[in-house]
Amino acid sequence: MKYIYFNFAGILQYYAKPNGMVCTPREVRYPTSLCPTKNAVVGMVGAVLGIDRADTEGLDYLRRSLTIKYRTTREGRVYTDFQRARQYTPSVKLVEYLSGYHFDVYIGGDEELLRRIYDAFLCPVYIPYFGKKCCTTNEDMIPETFELLSEEEIGDVHDCP
């Protein structure tokens, strides 16, 4: 299998944990995963390709067709954003964000699909984010040239959860 490389190093990043939301009568907590999740990367790829969030078939196709791996190259901190909304119950919302983390992300799959993904990141249909709209991508996220990498070239990496 061949892979393309991306550098995830946004100022803030949020990767929802599956079934991770915790509710109490007073607050709702949204914890973040400490690494990019497959759902987050598939969603970002879908956005740049122009696949609507409601198009479950299109996103499922990407989920089945792509292998996503990562390596943490710099650890940062987890920050909690405290938000208050008096008109809702529960009235307190706590959202965790990663700050200062850097990840090498490798997306693997069919060469033609990888080429489409790379080109879409250069001219996206929808703007990609690291999980939430406040988590903008870094300028050097996309390599300057399209290059396919082998398993041996990417080295010791982990599967995205």
N, C-alpha and C. Protein backbone atom coordinates (compact mmCIF):
# COMPACT_ATOMS: atom_id res chain seq x y z
N MET A 1 0.84 -1.18 0.00
CA MET A 1 0.00 0.00 0.00
C MET A 1 0.88 1.24 0.00
N LYS A 2 0.42 2.27 -0.67
CA LYS A 2 1.12 3.54 -0.73
C LYS A 2 0.42 4.57 0.15
N TYR A 3 1.18 5.56 0.62
CA TYR A 3 0.67 6.57 1.54
C TYR A 3 1.07 7.97 1.07
N ILE A 4 0.27 8.97 1.46
CA ILE A 4 0.68 10.36 1.34
C ILE A 4 0.78 10.93 2.75
N TYR A 5 1.63 11.93 2.90
CA TYR A 5 1.97 12.49 4.21
C TYR A 5 1.32 13.85 4.41
N PHE A 6 0.87 14.09 5.65
CA PHE A 6 0.39 15.41 6.06
C PHE A 6 0.95 15.73 7.43
N ASN A 7 1.20 17.02 7.69
CA ASN A 7 1.73 17.50 8.96
C ASN A 7 0.59 18.20 9.71
N PHE A 8 0.08 17.58 10.76
CA PHE A 8 -0.98 18.17 11.57
C PHE A 8 -0.33 18.90 12.74
N ALA A 9 -0.32 20.23 12.70
CA ALA A 9 0.33 21.01 13.76
C ALA A 9 -0.44 22.30 14.02
N GLY A 10 -1.75 22.24 14.02
CA GLY A 10 -2.55 23.42 14.28
C GLY A 10 -2.39 23.91 15.71
N ILE A 11 -2.69 25.18 15.93
CA ILE A 11 -2.59 25.75 17.27
C ILE A 11 -3.50 25.00 18.23
N LEU A 12 -4.74 24.74 17.80
CA LEU A 12 -5.69 23.94 18.57
C LEU A 12 -6.16 22.78 17.71
N GLN A 13 -6.37 21.63 18.34
CA GLN A 13 -6.90 20.47 17.64
C GLN A 13 -7.90 19.78 18.57
N TYR A 14 -8.97 19.25 17.97
CA TYR A 14 -9.98 18.54 18.74
C TYR A 14 -10.37 17.28 17.97
N TYR A 15 -10.23 16.13 18.60
CA TYR A 15 -10.59 14.85 17.98
C TYR A 15 -11.53 14.12 18.94
N ALA A 16 -12.82 14.14 18.62
CA ALA A 16 -13.84 13.58 19.50
C ALA A 16 -13.59 12.10 19.76
N LYS A 17 -13.75 11.71 21.00
CA LYS A 17 -13.67 10.30 21.36
C LYS A 17 -15.02 9.66 21.04
N PRO A 18 -15.02 8.45 20.47
CA PRO A 18 -16.31 7.78 20.25
C PRO A 18 -17.05 7.60 21.58
N ASN A 19 -18.30 8.01 21.62
CA ASN A 19 -19.10 7.94 22.85
C ASN A 19 -18.41 8.64 24.02
N GLY A 20 -17.71 9.73 23.73
CA GLY A 20 -16.90 10.37 24.75
C GLY A 20 -17.60 11.47 25.53
N MET A 21 -18.74 11.98 25.04
CA MET A 21 -19.42 13.07 25.71
C MET A 21 -19.93 12.60 27.07
N VAL A 22 -19.69 13.39 28.10
CA VAL A 22 -20.11 13.06 29.47
C VAL A 22 -21.08 14.14 29.94
N CYS A 23 -22.28 13.73 30.33
CA CYS A 23 -23.30 14.69 30.79
C CYS A 23 -23.59 14.50 32.27
N THR A 24 -23.71 15.61 32.96
CA THR A 24 -24.21 15.62 34.33
C THR A 24 -25.30 16.69 34.36
N PRO A 25 -26.06 16.79 35.45
CA PRO A 25 -27.11 17.81 35.51
C PRO A 25 -26.58 19.24 35.34
N ARG A 26 -25.31 19.47 35.69
CA ARG A 26 -24.77 20.83 35.64
C ARG A 26 -23.90 21.12 34.43
N GLU A 27 -23.31 20.08 33.80
CA GLU A 27 -22.36 20.35 32.73
C GLU A 27 -22.33 19.24 31.69
N VAL A 28 -21.79 19.60 30.53
CA VAL A 28 -21.52 18.65 29.46
C VAL A 28 -20.04 18.75 29.16
N ARG A 29 -19.36 17.62 29.18
CA ARG A 29 -17.91 17.60 28.94
C ARG A 29 -17.63 16.88 27.62
N TYR A 30 -16.81 17.51 26.77
CA TYR A 30 -16.40 16.94 25.49
C TYR A 30 -14.90 16.68 25.53
N PRO A 31 -14.49 15.47 25.90
CA PRO A 31 -13.05 15.17 25.94
C PRO A 31 -12.49 14.97 24.54
N THR A 32 -11.20 15.21 24.38
CA THR A 32 -10.55 15.00 23.10
C THR A 32 -9.64 13.79 23.17
N SER A 33 -9.49 13.12 22.04
CA SER A 33 -8.52 12.04 21.94
C SER A 33 -7.13 12.68 21.85
N LEU A 34 -6.11 11.98 22.28
CA LEU A 34 -4.75 12.53 22.26
C LEU A 34 -4.04 12.30 20.92
N CYS A 35 -4.80 11.90 19.91
CA CYS A 35 -4.24 11.71 18.57
C CYS A 35 -5.37 11.87 17.56
N PRO A 36 -5.04 12.10 16.29
CA PRO A 36 -6.10 12.21 15.29
C PRO A 36 -6.87 10.89 15.17
N THR A 37 -8.18 10.96 15.13
CA THR A 37 -8.99 9.76 14.98
C THR A 37 -9.29 9.53 13.50
N LYS A 38 -9.60 8.30 13.16
CA LYS A 38 -9.90 7.99 11.76
C LYS A 38 -11.12 8.78 11.30
N ASN A 39 -12.14 8.89 12.16
CA ASN A 39 -13.33 9.66 11.79
C ASN A 39 -13.00 11.12 11.49
N ALA A 40 -12.10 11.71 12.28
CA ALA A 40 -11.73 13.11 12.07
C ALA A 40 -11.00 13.28 10.74
N VAL A 41 -10.07 12.39 10.45
CA VAL A 41 -9.30 12.50 9.21
C VAL A 41 -10.20 12.22 8.00
N VAL A 42 -11.08 11.22 8.11
CA VAL A 42 -12.02 10.94 7.02
C VAL A 42 -12.94 12.13 6.80
N GLY A 43 -13.40 12.76 7.86
CA GLY A 43 -14.24 13.94 7.74
C GLY A 43 -13.52 15.09 7.06
N MET A 44 -12.25 15.29 7.40
CA MET A 44 -11.45 16.34 6.78
C MET A 44 -11.24 16.05 5.29
N VAL A 45 -10.93 14.79 4.97
CA VAL A 45 -10.75 14.40 3.57
C VAL A 45 -12.06 14.58 2.81
N GLY A 46 -13.16 14.16 3.42
CA GLY A 46 -14.47 14.34 2.79
C GLY A 46 -14.78 15.80 2.53
N ALA A 47 -14.42 16.67 3.47
CA ALA A 47 -14.68 18.10 3.30
C ALA A 47 -13.92 18.67 2.11
N VAL A 48 -12.64 18.35 2.00
CA VAL A 48 -11.87 18.93 0.90
C VAL A 48 -12.32 18.36 -0.45
N LEU A 49 -12.81 17.11 -0.45
CA LEU A 49 -13.32 16.51 -1.69
C LEU A 49 -14.72 17.00 -2.05
N GLY A 50 -15.40 17.65 -1.09
CA GLY A 50 -16.74 18.15 -1.35
C GLY A 50 -17.84 17.18 -0.99
N ILE A 51 -17.52 16.16 -0.20
CA ILE A 51 -18.53 15.21 0.26
C ILE A 51 -19.27 15.84 1.43
N ASP A 52 -20.57 15.97 1.31
CA ASP A 52 -21.38 16.59 2.35
C ASP A 52 -21.36 15.74 3.62
N ARG A 53 -21.45 16.39 4.76
CA ARG A 53 -21.46 15.67 6.05
C ARG A 53 -22.61 14.68 6.15
N ALA A 54 -23.72 14.97 5.47
CA ALA A 54 -24.89 14.09 5.52
C ALA A 54 -24.77 12.91 4.55
N ASP A 55 -23.77 12.91 3.68
CA ASP A 55 -23.58 11.84 2.70
C ASP A 55 -22.85 10.67 3.36
N THR A 56 -23.61 9.85 4.08
CA THR A 56 -23.01 8.74 4.82
C THR A 56 -22.38 7.70 3.89
N GLU A 57 -22.97 7.50 2.71
CA GLU A 57 -22.39 6.54 1.76
C GLU A 57 -21.01 7.00 1.30
N GLY A 58 -20.87 8.27 0.96
CA GLY A 58 -19.59 8.81 0.52
C GLY A 58 -18.53 8.73 1.60
N LEU A 59 -18.91 9.08 2.83
CA LEU A 59 -17.95 9.02 3.94
C LEU A 59 -17.62 7.57 4.30
N ASP A 60 -18.61 6.67 4.22
CA ASP A 60 -18.33 5.25 4.47
C ASP A 60 -17.38 4.68 3.43
N TYR A 61 -17.53 5.12 2.17
CA TYR A 61 -16.60 4.68 1.13
C TYR A 61 -15.17 5.09 1.48
N LEU A 62 -14.98 6.33 1.91
CA LEU A 62 -13.65 6.79 2.31
C LEU A 62 -13.14 5.99 3.50
N ARG A 63 -14.00 5.77 4.49
CA ARG A 63 -13.61 5.04 5.70
C ARG A 63 -13.12 3.63 5.35
N ARG A 64 -13.81 2.98 4.39
CA ARG A 64 -13.41 1.63 3.97
C ARG A 64 -12.18 1.63 3.07
N SER A 65 -12.03 2.68 2.27
CA SER A 65 -10.97 2.71 1.25
C SER A 65 -9.63 3.20 1.78
N LEU A 66 -9.63 3.91 2.89
CA LEU A 66 -8.40 4.54 3.37
C LEU A 66 -7.87 3.87 4.63
N THR A 67 -6.56 3.80 4.71
CA THR A 67 -5.87 3.40 5.93
C THR A 67 -5.20 4.66 6.45
N ILE A 68 -5.38 4.96 7.74
CA ILE A 68 -4.84 6.20 8.29
C ILE A 68 -3.96 5.87 9.48
N LYS A 69 -2.73 6.35 9.41
CA LYS A 69 -1.75 6.10 10.47
C LYS A 69 -1.16 7.43 10.92
N TYR A 70 -0.58 7.44 12.12
CA TYR A 70 -0.01 8.68 12.64
C TYR A 70 1.22 8.40 13.49
N ARG A 71 1.99 9.44 13.70
CA ARG A 71 3.12 9.44 14.62
C ARG A 71 3.09 10.77 15.36
N THR A 72 3.18 10.75 16.67
CA THR A 72 3.25 11.99 17.45
C THR A 72 4.69 12.47 17.41
N THR A 73 4.90 13.66 16.85
CA THR A 73 6.26 14.19 16.75
C THR A 73 6.55 15.25 17.83
N ARG A 74 5.50 15.80 18.42
CA ARG A 74 5.68 16.72 19.55
C ARG A 74 4.43 16.69 20.40
N GLU A 75 4.63 16.49 21.67
CA GLU A 75 3.50 16.52 22.60
C GLU A 75 3.31 17.94 23.12
N GLY A 76 2.07 18.25 23.42
CA GLY A 76 1.74 19.57 23.94
C GLY A 76 0.95 19.43 25.22
N ARG A 77 -0.10 20.22 25.34
CA ARG A 77 -0.95 20.21 26.52
C ARG A 77 -2.40 20.07 26.11
N VAL A 78 -3.21 19.63 27.07
CA VAL A 78 -4.66 19.57 26.87
C VAL A 78 -5.25 20.74 27.67
N TYR A 79 -6.00 21.58 26.97
CA TYR A 79 -6.66 22.71 27.61
C TYR A 79 -8.17 22.49 27.61
N THR A 80 -8.83 23.00 28.63
CA THR A 80 -10.29 22.90 28.72
C THR A 80 -10.88 24.29 28.57
N ASP A 81 -11.79 24.41 27.61
CA ASP A 81 -12.49 25.66 27.36
C ASP A 81 -13.81 25.61 28.12
N PHE A 82 -14.04 26.60 28.97
CA PHE A 82 -15.24 26.71 29.78
C PHE A 82 -16.22 27.63 29.07
N GLN A 83 -17.39 27.11 28.72
CA GLN A 83 -18.42 27.91 28.04
C GLN A 83 -19.69 27.87 28.86
N ARG A 84 -20.35 29.02 28.94
CA ARG A 84 -21.57 29.08 29.74
C ARG A 84 -22.72 29.60 28.88
N ALA A 85 -23.85 28.90 28.96
CA ALA A 85 -25.06 29.31 28.24
C ALA A 85 -26.23 29.21 29.21
N ARG A 86 -26.69 30.32 29.71
CA ARG A 86 -27.72 30.33 30.75
C ARG A 86 -29.06 29.78 30.27
N GLN A 87 -29.36 29.91 28.97
CA GLN A 87 -30.67 29.50 28.48
C GLN A 87 -30.79 27.99 28.26
N TYR A 88 -29.69 27.24 28.40
CA TYR A 88 -29.74 25.80 28.19
C TYR A 88 -29.51 25.04 29.47
N THR A 89 -29.97 23.80 29.49
CA THR A 89 -29.70 22.91 30.62
C THR A 89 -29.05 21.66 30.07
N PRO A 90 -27.93 21.22 30.52
CA PRO A 90 -27.08 21.90 31.51
C PRO A 90 -26.45 23.16 30.93
N SER A 91 -26.11 24.09 31.82
CA SER A 91 -25.70 25.42 31.37
C SER A 91 -24.20 25.57 31.16
N VAL A 92 -23.41 24.57 31.52
CA VAL A 92 -21.96 24.66 31.39
C VAL A 92 -21.48 23.61 30.40
N LYS A 93 -20.62 24.07 29.49
CA LYS A 93 -20.05 23.17 28.48
C LYS A 93 -18.53 23.25 28.60
N LEU A 94 -17.88 22.10 28.78
CA LEU A 94 -16.43 22.03 28.89
C LEU A 94 -15.88 21.26 27.70
N VAL A 95 -15.05 21.90 26.89
CA VAL A 95 -14.50 21.27 25.69
C VAL A 95 -12.99 21.23 25.83
N GLU A 96 -12.42 20.03 25.67
CA GLU A 96 -10.97 19.88 25.72
C GLU A 96 -10.37 20.07 24.33
N TYR A 97 -9.21 20.72 24.28
CA TYR A 97 -8.48 20.93 23.03
C TYR A 97 -7.02 20.54 23.23
N LEU A 98 -6.40 20.02 22.18
CA LEU A 98 -4.96 19.80 22.18
C LEU A 98 -4.29 21.09 21.74
N SER A 99 -3.21 21.45 22.39
CA SER A 99 -2.45 22.64 21.99
C SER A 99 -0.97 22.27 21.99
N GLY A 100 -0.30 22.62 20.91
CA GLY A 100 1.12 22.35 20.81
C GLY A 100 1.48 20.96 20.30
N TYR A 101 0.49 20.14 20.04
CA TYR A 101 0.76 18.79 19.53
C TYR A 101 1.06 18.85 18.04
N HIS A 102 2.01 18.03 17.60
CA HIS A 102 2.32 17.86 16.19
C HIS A 102 2.22 16.38 15.84
N PHE A 103 1.59 16.09 14.71
CA PHE A 103 1.43 14.71 14.26
C PHE A 103 1.85 14.59 12.80
N ASP A 104 2.55 13.51 12.48
CA ASP A 104 2.74 13.11 11.09
C ASP A 104 1.58 12.17 10.80
N VAL A 105 0.77 12.50 9.81
CA VAL A 105 -0.39 11.68 9.46
C VAL A 105 -0.17 11.13 8.05
N TYR A 106 -0.39 9.82 7.92
CA TYR A 106 -0.20 9.13 6.64
C TYR A 106 -1.53 8.53 6.21
N ILE A 107 -1.98 8.91 5.02
CA ILE A 107 -3.23 8.40 4.47
C ILE A 107 -2.87 7.43 3.36
N GLY A 108 -3.32 6.18 3.50
CA GLY A 108 -2.98 5.15 2.54
C GLY A 108 -4.20 4.69 1.77
N GLY A 109 -3.96 4.24 0.53
CA GLY A 109 -5.05 3.74 -0.29
C GLY A 109 -4.63 3.62 -1.74
N ASP A 110 -5.62 3.58 -2.60
CA ASP A 110 -5.42 3.50 -4.04
C ASP A 110 -4.73 4.77 -4.54
N GLU A 111 -3.76 4.60 -5.45
CA GLU A 111 -2.96 5.74 -5.93
C GLU A 111 -3.82 6.83 -6.56
N GLU A 112 -4.83 6.47 -7.31
CA GLU A 112 -5.71 7.46 -7.94
C GLU A 112 -6.48 8.26 -6.90
N LEU A 113 -7.01 7.57 -5.89
CA LEU A 113 -7.74 8.25 -4.82
C LEU A 113 -6.81 9.17 -4.03
N LEU A 114 -5.59 8.70 -3.75
CA LEU A 114 -4.63 9.53 -3.02
C LEU A 114 -4.29 10.80 -3.80
N ARG A 115 -4.17 10.69 -5.11
CA ARG A 115 -3.90 11.85 -5.95
C ARG A 115 -5.05 12.84 -5.89
N ARG A 116 -6.29 12.32 -5.93
CA ARG A 116 -7.47 13.19 -5.81
C ARG A 116 -7.50 13.90 -4.46
N ILE A 117 -7.14 13.17 -3.41
CA ILE A 117 -7.12 13.76 -2.06
C ILE A 117 -6.07 14.86 -1.97
N TYR A 118 -4.88 14.59 -2.45
CA TYR A 118 -3.81 15.59 -2.42
C TYR A 118 -4.23 16.85 -3.17
N ASP A 119 -4.75 16.68 -4.39
CA ASP A 119 -5.20 17.82 -5.19
C ASP A 119 -6.33 18.58 -4.50
N ALA A 120 -7.23 17.84 -3.82
CA ALA A 120 -8.34 18.49 -3.12
C ALA A 120 -7.85 19.33 -1.94
N PHE A 121 -6.80 18.90 -1.26
CA PHE A 121 -6.25 19.71 -0.17
C PHE A 121 -5.65 21.01 -0.70
N LEU A 122 -5.15 20.99 -1.94
CA LEU A 122 -4.59 22.21 -2.53
C LEU A 122 -5.68 23.19 -2.92
N CYS A 123 -6.87 22.68 -3.27
CA CYS A 123 -8.00 23.52 -3.68
C CYS A 123 -9.28 22.91 -3.11
N PRO A 124 -9.50 23.06 -1.80
CA PRO A 124 -10.62 22.36 -1.14
C PRO A 124 -11.99 22.93 -1.49
N VAL A 125 -12.99 22.04 -1.52
CA VAL A 125 -14.38 22.46 -1.70
C VAL A 125 -14.87 23.10 -0.40
N TYR A 126 -14.66 22.42 0.72
CA TYR A 126 -14.96 22.97 2.05
C TYR A 126 -13.65 23.12 2.80
N ILE A 127 -13.56 24.11 3.67
CA ILE A 127 -12.34 24.37 4.42
C ILE A 127 -12.12 23.26 5.45
N PRO A 128 -10.93 22.65 5.50
CA PRO A 128 -10.67 21.62 6.51
C PRO A 128 -10.33 22.24 7.87
N TYR A 129 -10.74 21.54 8.92
CA TYR A 129 -10.46 21.95 10.29
C TYR A 129 -9.96 20.74 11.06
N PHE A 130 -9.26 20.99 12.16
CA PHE A 130 -8.84 19.91 13.05
C PHE A 130 -9.95 19.66 14.07
N GLY A 131 -11.09 19.19 13.60
CA GLY A 131 -12.18 18.79 14.48
C GLY A 131 -13.29 19.81 14.67
N LYS A 132 -12.95 21.06 14.90
CA LYS A 132 -13.94 22.13 15.09
C LYS A 132 -13.50 23.36 14.30
N LYS A 133 -14.45 24.24 14.01
CA LYS A 133 -14.12 25.40 13.19
C LYS A 133 -13.08 26.32 13.82
N CYS A 134 -12.97 26.31 15.12
CA CYS A 134 -11.96 27.15 15.77
C CYS A 134 -10.56 26.53 15.67
N CYS A 135 -10.47 25.32 15.17
CA CYS A 135 -9.19 24.60 15.07
C CYS A 135 -8.70 24.62 13.63
N THR A 136 -8.14 25.75 13.22
CA THR A 136 -7.72 25.90 11.84
C THR A 136 -6.43 25.12 11.56
N THR A 137 -6.26 24.75 10.30
CA THR A 137 -5.09 23.96 9.92
C THR A 137 -3.86 24.84 9.80
N ASN A 138 -2.70 24.21 9.90
CA ASN A 138 -1.44 24.93 9.77
C ASN A 138 -1.07 25.11 8.30
N GLU A 139 -0.29 26.14 8.02
CA GLU A 139 0.06 26.49 6.64
C GLU A 139 0.87 25.40 5.94
N ASP A 140 1.73 24.71 6.69
CA ASP A 140 2.59 23.69 6.08
C ASP A 140 2.02 22.27 6.24
N MET A 141 0.71 22.16 6.33
CA MET A 141 0.09 20.85 6.51
C MET A 141 0.28 19.96 5.29
N ILE A 142 0.26 20.56 4.10
CA ILE A 142 0.31 19.81 2.85
C ILE A 142 1.73 19.89 2.29
N PRO A 143 2.33 18.75 1.92
CA PRO A 143 3.66 18.81 1.31
C PRO A 143 3.62 19.57 -0.02
N GLU A 144 4.75 20.14 -0.40
CA GLU A 144 4.81 20.94 -1.62
C GLU A 144 4.62 20.10 -2.88
N THR A 145 5.03 18.84 -2.83
CA THR A 145 4.90 17.98 -4.00
C THR A 145 4.19 16.69 -3.63
N PHE A 146 3.50 16.11 -4.60
CA PHE A 146 2.81 14.83 -4.40
C PHE A 146 3.85 13.72 -4.43
N GLU A 147 3.93 12.97 -3.34
CA GLU A 147 4.89 11.87 -3.25
C GLU A 147 4.23 10.69 -2.56
N LEU A 148 4.28 9.54 -3.20
CA LEU A 148 3.77 8.32 -2.59
C LEU A 148 4.86 7.67 -1.77
N LEU A 149 4.50 7.24 -0.57
CA LEU A 149 5.46 6.61 0.34
C LEU A 149 5.06 5.16 0.58
N SER A 150 6.05 4.30 0.79
CA SER A 150 5.79 2.89 1.08
C SER A 150 5.72 2.69 2.60
N GLU A 151 5.28 1.51 3.02
CA GLU A 151 5.23 1.16 4.45
C GLU A 151 6.61 1.32 5.08
N GLU A 152 7.65 0.90 4.37
CA GLU A 152 9.02 0.98 4.90
C GLU A 152 9.45 2.43 5.09
N GLU A 153 9.02 3.30 4.18
CA GLU A 153 9.42 4.70 4.25
C GLU A 153 8.76 5.45 5.39
N ILE A 154 7.54 5.07 5.75
CA ILE A 154 6.87 5.80 6.84
C ILE A 154 7.33 5.32 8.21
N GLY A 155 7.90 4.12 8.28
CA GLY A 155 8.51 3.66 9.54
C GLY A 155 7.49 3.28 10.60
N ASP A 156 7.86 3.56 11.85
CA ASP A 156 7.10 3.15 13.03
C ASP A 156 5.95 4.13 13.27
N VAL A 157 4.75 3.70 12.93
CA VAL A 157 3.55 4.53 13.10
C VAL A 157 2.45 3.73 13.76
N HIS A 158 1.40 4.41 14.18
CA HIS A 158 0.25 3.78 14.84
C HIS A 158 -0.99 3.96 13.99
N ASP A 159 -1.92 3.00 14.08
CA ASP A 159 -3.22 3.16 13.43
C ASP A 159 -4.02 4.20 14.18
N CYS A 160 -4.74 5.05 13.46
CA CYS A 160 -5.63 6.02 14.10
C CYS A 160 -6.82 5.28 14.70
N PRO A 161 -7.18 5.62 15.93
CA PRO A 161 -8.33 4.93 16.55
C PRO A 161 -9.64 5.31 15.89
